[in-house]
Amino acid sequence: MNTDFIRLTGEMINIDLFSDFHRHQVVTKCHRKIDGEWVIIDNPFVEDWGEKEFEILVKCLKNTVQTGGVVIGAFDGSKLAGLASAENTFFGSRGQYLELSCIHVTEELRGIGIGKKLFRLICEWAKEKGAEKLYISAHSSVESQCFYRAMGCTEAEEYSPAHVEKEPCDCQLEYRL
């Protein structure tokens, strides 16, 4: 497969971009921090995004671009295969973090390296901006956590209270750039 990776402008981001994109995930087990220790628990559910979720994502991605962040799309021809975004607001006790705000690969193209390449491109962007680390408030599913661990992410040394409050079941991770 010949995948093109393109930095998206606000004009390129619209609901039609996601017409053939499948944000679907069957989750059976998730990571949870219980009494200070990470454990894996049974937590079966299906995540299956529809138009409403993609409309919210479009608004978020447009805001990312408008505020100086980056959105990178992976394309198989004209079809969106994956995307990743990072925000342009430094945070942490030393201003060491920039946030990886999303990374998604369409269901039928997972496992072939698109997510890894998107992650690396976001890391390059964040490093060029002067970040020491990438901060990820990551889905707690075993599959998502396996991806981030394989990329070299570790538990965040500093938790962002805003991220924890917004998604209390997420795993707070970091990646040293």
Protein backbone atom coordinates (compact mmCIF):
# COMPACT_ATOMS: atom_id res chain seq x y z
CA MET A 1 0.00 0.00 0.00
CA ASN A 2 1.27 3.45 -0.90
CA THR A 3 0.32 5.80 1.94
CA ASP A 4 0.75 9.56 1.71
CA PHE A 5 1.09 11.58 4.92
CA ILE A 6 -0.16 15.15 4.60
CA ARG A 7 -0.39 18.05 7.05
CA LEU A 8 -4.04 19.08 6.92
CA THR A 9 -5.31 22.65 6.78
CA GLY A 10 -8.58 23.73 8.36
CA GLU A 11 -10.20 23.85 4.90
CA MET A 12 -9.33 20.19 4.33
CA ILE A 13 -11.00 19.05 7.55
CA ASN A 14 -14.72 18.37 7.11
CA ILE A 15 -17.24 15.60 7.71
CA ASP A 16 -16.76 14.22 4.16
CA LEU A 17 -13.15 13.40 5.07
CA PHE A 18 -14.54 10.62 7.31
CA SER A 19 -17.09 9.16 4.86
CA ASP A 20 -15.18 5.85 4.55
CA PHE A 21 -13.41 5.95 7.93
CA HIS A 22 -14.32 3.22 10.43
CA ARG A 23 -13.65 4.19 14.06
CA HIS A 24 -14.77 0.86 15.43
CA GLN A 25 -13.21 -1.08 18.27
CA VAL A 26 -14.36 -4.12 20.20
CA VAL A 27 -12.94 -3.82 23.70
CA THR A 28 -12.90 -6.68 26.18
CA LYS A 29 -10.23 -5.68 28.71
CA CYS A 30 -8.98 -2.35 30.03
CA HIS A 31 -6.23 -1.06 32.27
CA ARG A 32 -7.26 0.53 35.58
CA LYS A 33 -5.20 1.91 38.42
CA ILE A 34 -6.46 0.32 41.64
CA ASP A 35 -4.78 1.07 44.96
CA GLY A 36 -1.83 2.60 43.08
CA GLU A 37 -1.24 -0.46 40.87
CA TRP A 38 -2.14 -0.98 37.22
CA VAL A 39 -4.36 -4.01 36.67
CA ILE A 40 -6.27 -5.36 33.69
CA ILE A 41 -10.00 -5.78 34.22
CA ASP A 42 -12.85 -7.16 32.15
CA ASN A 43 -14.71 -4.22 30.66
CA PRO A 44 -16.45 -5.30 27.45
CA PHE A 45 -17.95 -2.66 25.16
CA VAL A 46 -17.97 -1.67 21.51
CA GLU A 47 -16.90 1.75 20.35
CA ASP A 48 -18.50 2.54 17.01
CA TRP A 49 -18.43 6.17 15.93
CA GLY A 50 -21.17 7.68 13.85
CA GLU A 51 -21.78 11.07 12.29
CA LYS A 52 -22.25 12.78 15.67
CA GLU A 53 -18.81 11.69 16.93
CA PHE A 54 -17.13 12.64 13.65
CA GLU A 55 -18.79 16.09 13.72
CA ILE A 56 -17.30 16.65 17.19
CA LEU A 57 -13.90 15.44 15.94
CA VAL A 58 -14.06 17.82 12.95
CA LYS A 59 -14.68 20.77 15.30
CA CYS A 60 -11.79 19.71 17.55
CA LEU A 61 -9.39 19.22 14.63
CA LYS A 62 -10.29 22.60 13.10
CA ASN A 63 -9.64 24.21 16.49
CA THR A 64 -6.29 22.43 16.70
CA VAL A 65 -5.20 23.91 13.37
CA GLN A 66 -6.60 27.39 14.20
CA THR A 67 -4.65 27.48 17.48
CA GLY A 68 -1.31 26.54 15.91
CA GLY A 69 -1.41 22.80 16.44
CA VAL A 70 -0.98 20.16 13.78
CA VAL A 71 -3.23 17.57 12.13
CA ILE A 72 -1.61 14.94 9.92
CA GLY A 73 -3.66 12.69 7.69
CA ALA A 74 -2.58 9.37 6.20
CA PHE A 75 -4.17 8.71 2.83
CA ASP A 76 -4.54 5.59 0.73
CA GLY A 77 -5.26 7.34 -2.56
CA SER A 78 -8.06 9.77 -1.73
CA LYS A 79 -9.30 7.71 1.23
CA LEU A 80 -8.39 8.75 4.78
CA ALA A 81 -6.53 5.84 6.37
CA GLY A 82 -5.56 7.52 9.65
CA LEU A 83 -4.92 10.80 11.36
CA ALA A 84 -3.15 12.27 14.33
CA SER A 85 -3.18 15.67 15.97
CA ALA A 86 -1.15 17.58 18.53
CA GLU A 87 -1.94 20.77 20.38
CA ASN A 88 0.28 23.85 20.52
CA THR A 89 -0.13 24.63 24.24
CA PHE A 90 2.79 23.78 26.51
CA PHE A 91 2.01 22.54 30.02
CA GLY A 92 3.59 20.72 32.94
CA SER A 93 5.71 22.07 35.80
CA ARG A 94 8.46 23.12 33.36
CA GLY A 95 6.31 23.57 30.26
CA GLN A 96 7.79 20.29 29.06
CA TYR A 97 4.69 18.75 27.47
CA LEU A 98 2.78 19.12 24.24
CA GLU A 99 -0.31 16.94 23.87
CA LEU A 100 -0.97 14.22 21.31
CA SER A 101 -4.71 14.95 21.22
CA CYS A 102 -5.79 12.13 18.93
CA ILE A 103 -4.57 9.29 16.79
CA HIS A 104 -6.92 7.05 14.84
CA VAL A 105 -6.50 4.50 12.06
CA THR A 106 -9.48 3.17 10.14
CA GLU A 107 -10.34 -0.33 11.37
CA GLU A 108 -9.49 -2.22 8.18
CA LEU A 109 -5.98 -0.74 7.94
CA ARG A 110 -4.77 -1.20 11.50
CA GLY A 111 -1.63 -3.20 12.18
CA ILE A 112 0.33 -2.23 9.06
CA GLY A 113 2.33 0.70 10.46
CA ILE A 114 0.13 3.72 9.72
CA GLY A 115 -0.32 4.55 13.42
CA LYS A 116 3.43 4.19 14.06
CA LYS A 117 4.28 6.59 11.24
CA LEU A 118 1.66 9.11 12.40
CA PHE A 119 3.04 8.91 15.95
CA ARG A 120 6.60 9.53 14.72
CA LEU A 121 5.50 12.51 12.62
CA ILE A 122 3.72 14.08 15.60
CA CYS A 123 6.85 13.51 17.70
CA GLU A 124 8.99 15.27 15.09
CA TRP A 125 6.60 18.24 15.07
CA ALA A 126 6.52 18.47 18.89
CA LYS A 127 10.30 18.26 19.12
CA GLU A 128 10.68 21.03 16.53
CA LYS A 129 8.34 23.16 18.66
CA GLY A 130 10.68 22.66 21.64
CA ALA A 131 8.76 20.11 23.69
CA GLU A 132 10.70 17.68 25.86
CA LYS A 133 7.84 15.18 26.02
CA LEU A 134 4.60 14.26 24.33
CA TYR A 135 1.64 13.85 26.71
CA ILE A 136 -1.04 11.29 25.89
CA SER A 137 -4.33 10.81 27.73
CA ALA A 138 -4.82 7.38 26.17
CA HIS A 139 -7.75 5.01 25.87
CA SER A 140 -7.30 2.32 28.52
CA SER A 141 -8.12 -0.68 26.31
CA VAL A 142 -5.44 -3.36 26.28
CA GLU A 143 -5.02 -2.93 22.51
CA SER A 144 -4.51 0.83 22.73
CA GLN A 145 -2.07 0.47 25.61
CA CYS A 146 -0.09 -2.17 23.70
CA PHE A 147 0.32 0.31 20.83
CA TYR A 148 1.56 3.11 23.08
CA ARG A 149 3.91 0.83 25.03
CA ALA A 150 5.33 -0.51 21.75
CA MET A 151 6.01 3.10 20.74
CA GLY A 152 8.01 3.61 23.95
CA CYS A 153 5.44 5.50 26.03
CA THR A 154 5.52 5.25 29.81
CA GLU A 155 3.27 6.41 32.60
CA ALA A 156 3.36 10.20 32.82
CA GLU A 157 5.64 11.55 35.54
CA GLU A 158 3.14 14.41 35.98
CA TYR A 159 -0.57 13.91 35.51
CA SER A 160 -2.53 16.75 33.93
CA PRO A 161 -5.53 17.33 36.23
CA ALA A 162 -7.60 18.64 33.31
CA HIS A 163 -7.03 15.45 31.30
CA VAL A 164 -7.76 13.19 34.27
CA GLU A 165 -10.97 15.08 35.02
CA LYS A 166 -12.11 14.91 31.38
CA GLU A 167 -11.33 11.19 30.92
CA PRO A 168 -10.86 9.56 34.35
CA CYS A 169 -10.46 6.05 32.90
CA ASP A 170 -7.71 7.04 30.46
CA CYS A 171 -4.09 6.10 31.09
CA GLN A 172 -1.90 9.20 31.39
CA LEU A 173 1.24 8.56 29.36
CA GLU A 174 4.27 10.42 28.11
CA TYR A 175 6.88 9.94 25.42
CA ARG A 176 10.32 11.50 25.80
CA LEU A 177 11.29 13.28 22.57
